[in-house]
Amino acid sequence: MKLEVKVIVSLYKKQRINYEKAIEAIKIIDEEGWFESYIIDKSKEDLKDVRS
């Protein structure tokens, strides 16, 4: 996973941002087309794993 996406997941894991903000940030990255879809999907999975 790319560093930028790891930062978002890490911030969520450390409770610096909430789930909605993390998803919003990843959505923006996805819309900009900066990363491949598998990286975006993996980051969303990681967020869900932490949430449960």
N, C-alpha and C. Protein backbone atom coordinates (compact mmCIF):
# COMPACT_ATOMS: atom_id res chain seq x y z
N MET A 1 0.84 -1.18 0.00
CA MET A 1 0.00 0.00 0.00
C MET A 1 0.88 1.24 0.00
N LYS A 2 0.45 2.25 -0.68
CA LYS A 2 1.21 3.50 -0.78
C LYS A 2 1.17 4.27 0.54
N LEU A 3 2.20 5.05 0.75
CA LEU A 3 2.36 5.79 2.00
C LEU A 3 1.18 6.69 2.32
N GLU A 4 0.67 7.40 1.34
CA GLU A 4 -0.43 8.33 1.58
C GLU A 4 -1.65 7.62 2.14
N VAL A 5 -1.96 6.47 1.58
CA VAL A 5 -3.12 5.70 2.03
C VAL A 5 -2.83 5.09 3.40
N LYS A 6 -1.61 4.66 3.63
CA LYS A 6 -1.23 4.12 4.93
C LYS A 6 -1.40 5.16 6.03
N VAL A 7 -1.10 6.41 5.71
CA VAL A 7 -1.24 7.48 6.69
C VAL A 7 -2.70 7.61 7.12
N ILE A 8 -3.60 7.55 6.18
CA ILE A 8 -5.03 7.66 6.51
C ILE A 8 -5.46 6.52 7.42
N VAL A 9 -5.08 5.29 7.06
CA VAL A 9 -5.43 4.13 7.87
C VAL A 9 -4.80 4.24 9.26
N SER A 10 -3.57 4.67 9.31
CA SER A 10 -2.86 4.82 10.58
C SER A 10 -3.53 5.88 11.47
N LEU A 11 -3.91 7.00 10.90
CA LEU A 11 -4.61 8.03 11.66
C LEU A 11 -5.91 7.50 12.25
N TYR A 12 -6.60 6.70 11.47
CA TYR A 12 -7.85 6.10 11.97
C TYR A 12 -7.56 5.11 13.10
N LYS A 13 -6.57 4.26 12.91
CA LYS A 13 -6.22 3.29 13.95
C LYS A 13 -5.84 3.97 15.26
N LYS A 14 -5.19 5.13 15.15
CA LYS A 14 -4.77 5.87 16.35
C LYS A 14 -5.86 6.80 16.86
N GLN A 15 -7.04 6.71 16.26
CA GLN A 15 -8.22 7.49 16.63
C GLN A 15 -7.99 9.00 16.51
N ARG A 16 -7.16 9.39 15.56
CA ARG A 16 -6.95 10.82 15.28
C ARG A 16 -8.03 11.35 14.34
N ILE A 17 -8.60 10.45 13.52
CA ILE A 17 -9.74 10.80 12.67
C ILE A 17 -10.78 9.70 12.82
N ASN A 18 -12.04 10.04 12.55
CA ASN A 18 -13.08 9.03 12.66
C ASN A 18 -13.23 8.26 11.34
N TYR A 19 -14.07 7.25 11.37
CA TYR A 19 -14.25 6.37 10.21
C TYR A 19 -14.74 7.16 8.99
N GLU A 20 -15.69 8.06 9.22
CA GLU A 20 -16.25 8.83 8.11
C GLU A 20 -15.19 9.70 7.43
N LYS A 21 -14.34 10.33 8.23
CA LYS A 21 -13.26 11.16 7.66
C LYS A 21 -12.27 10.31 6.88
N ALA A 22 -11.96 9.13 7.41
CA ALA A 22 -11.03 8.23 6.72
C ALA A 22 -11.59 7.80 5.37
N ILE A 23 -12.85 7.41 5.36
CA ILE A 23 -13.49 6.99 4.11
C ILE A 23 -13.56 8.17 3.14
N GLU A 24 -13.88 9.36 3.65
CA GLU A 24 -13.94 10.55 2.80
C GLU A 24 -12.58 10.84 2.16
N ALA A 25 -11.51 10.73 2.94
CA ALA A 25 -10.17 10.99 2.41
C ALA A 25 -9.80 9.97 1.34
N ILE A 26 -10.12 8.72 1.59
CA ILE A 26 -9.82 7.67 0.60
C ILE A 26 -10.66 7.87 -0.66
N LYS A 27 -11.90 8.31 -0.47
CA LYS A 27 -12.77 8.58 -1.63
C LYS A 27 -12.18 9.69 -2.50
N ILE A 28 -11.66 10.72 -1.87
CA ILE A 28 -11.04 11.82 -2.63
C ILE A 28 -9.84 11.32 -3.42
N ILE A 29 -9.01 10.52 -2.78
CA ILE A 29 -7.84 9.95 -3.47
C ILE A 29 -8.29 9.10 -4.66
N ASP A 30 -9.35 8.32 -4.45
CA ASP A 30 -9.88 7.47 -5.51
C ASP A 30 -10.41 8.32 -6.67
N GLU A 31 -11.16 9.37 -6.36
CA GLU A 31 -11.72 10.23 -7.40
C GLU A 31 -10.63 10.94 -8.22
N GLU A 32 -9.54 11.28 -7.56
CA GLU A 32 -8.43 11.94 -8.26
C GLU A 32 -7.66 10.96 -9.15
N GLY A 33 -7.84 9.67 -8.90
CA GLY A 33 -7.19 8.67 -9.72
C GLY A 33 -5.70 8.51 -9.45
N TRP A 34 -5.29 8.84 -8.23
CA TRP A 34 -3.87 8.79 -7.89
C TRP A 34 -3.33 7.38 -7.75
N PHE A 35 -4.20 6.44 -7.37
CA PHE A 35 -3.74 5.07 -7.12
C PHE A 35 -4.63 4.06 -7.82
N GLU A 36 -4.07 2.89 -8.01
CA GLU A 36 -4.83 1.78 -8.60
C GLU A 36 -5.99 1.40 -7.69
N SER A 37 -7.03 0.85 -8.27
CA SER A 37 -8.23 0.51 -7.50
C SER A 37 -7.95 -0.55 -6.43
N TYR A 38 -6.99 -1.45 -6.66
CA TYR A 38 -6.72 -2.48 -5.66
C TYR A 38 -6.14 -1.87 -4.38
N ILE A 39 -5.42 -0.76 -4.50
CA ILE A 39 -4.87 -0.08 -3.33
C ILE A 39 -6.00 0.56 -2.53
N ILE A 40 -6.93 1.19 -3.22
CA ILE A 40 -8.09 1.80 -2.58
C ILE A 40 -8.92 0.73 -1.88
N ASP A 41 -9.16 -0.37 -2.57
CA ASP A 41 -9.95 -1.47 -1.99
C ASP A 41 -9.28 -2.04 -0.75
N LYS A 42 -7.97 -2.21 -0.80
CA LYS A 42 -7.23 -2.74 0.34
C LYS A 42 -7.32 -1.79 1.53
N SER A 43 -7.23 -0.51 1.29
CA SER A 43 -7.31 0.46 2.39
C SER A 43 -8.70 0.44 3.03
N LYS A 44 -9.73 0.31 2.22
CA LYS A 44 -11.10 0.22 2.76
C LYS A 44 -11.26 -1.05 3.59
N GLU A 45 -10.69 -2.15 3.14
CA GLU A 45 -10.71 -3.40 3.91
C GLU A 45 -10.01 -3.22 5.25
N ASP A 46 -8.86 -2.57 5.22
CA ASP A 46 -8.11 -2.34 6.46
C ASP A 46 -8.92 -1.51 7.45
N LEU A 47 -9.61 -0.51 6.96
CA LEU A 47 -10.46 0.31 7.83
C LEU A 47 -11.58 -0.53 8.44
N LYS A 48 -12.20 -1.36 7.63
CA LYS A 48 -13.29 -2.21 8.13
C LYS A 48 -12.76 -3.21 9.15
N ASP A 49 -11.56 -3.75 8.94
CA ASP A 49 -10.98 -4.71 9.88
C ASP A 49 -10.74 -4.07 11.24
N VAL A 50 -10.29 -2.84 11.24
CA VAL A 50 -10.03 -2.12 12.48
C VAL A 50 -11.34 -1.80 13.19
N ARG A 51 -12.33 -1.47 12.40
CA ARG A 51 -13.64 -1.06 12.94
C ARG A 51 -14.34 -2.20 13.65
N SER A 52 -14.18 -3.41 13.17
CA SER A 52 -14.90 -4.55 13.77
C SER A 52 -14.20 -5.14 14.96
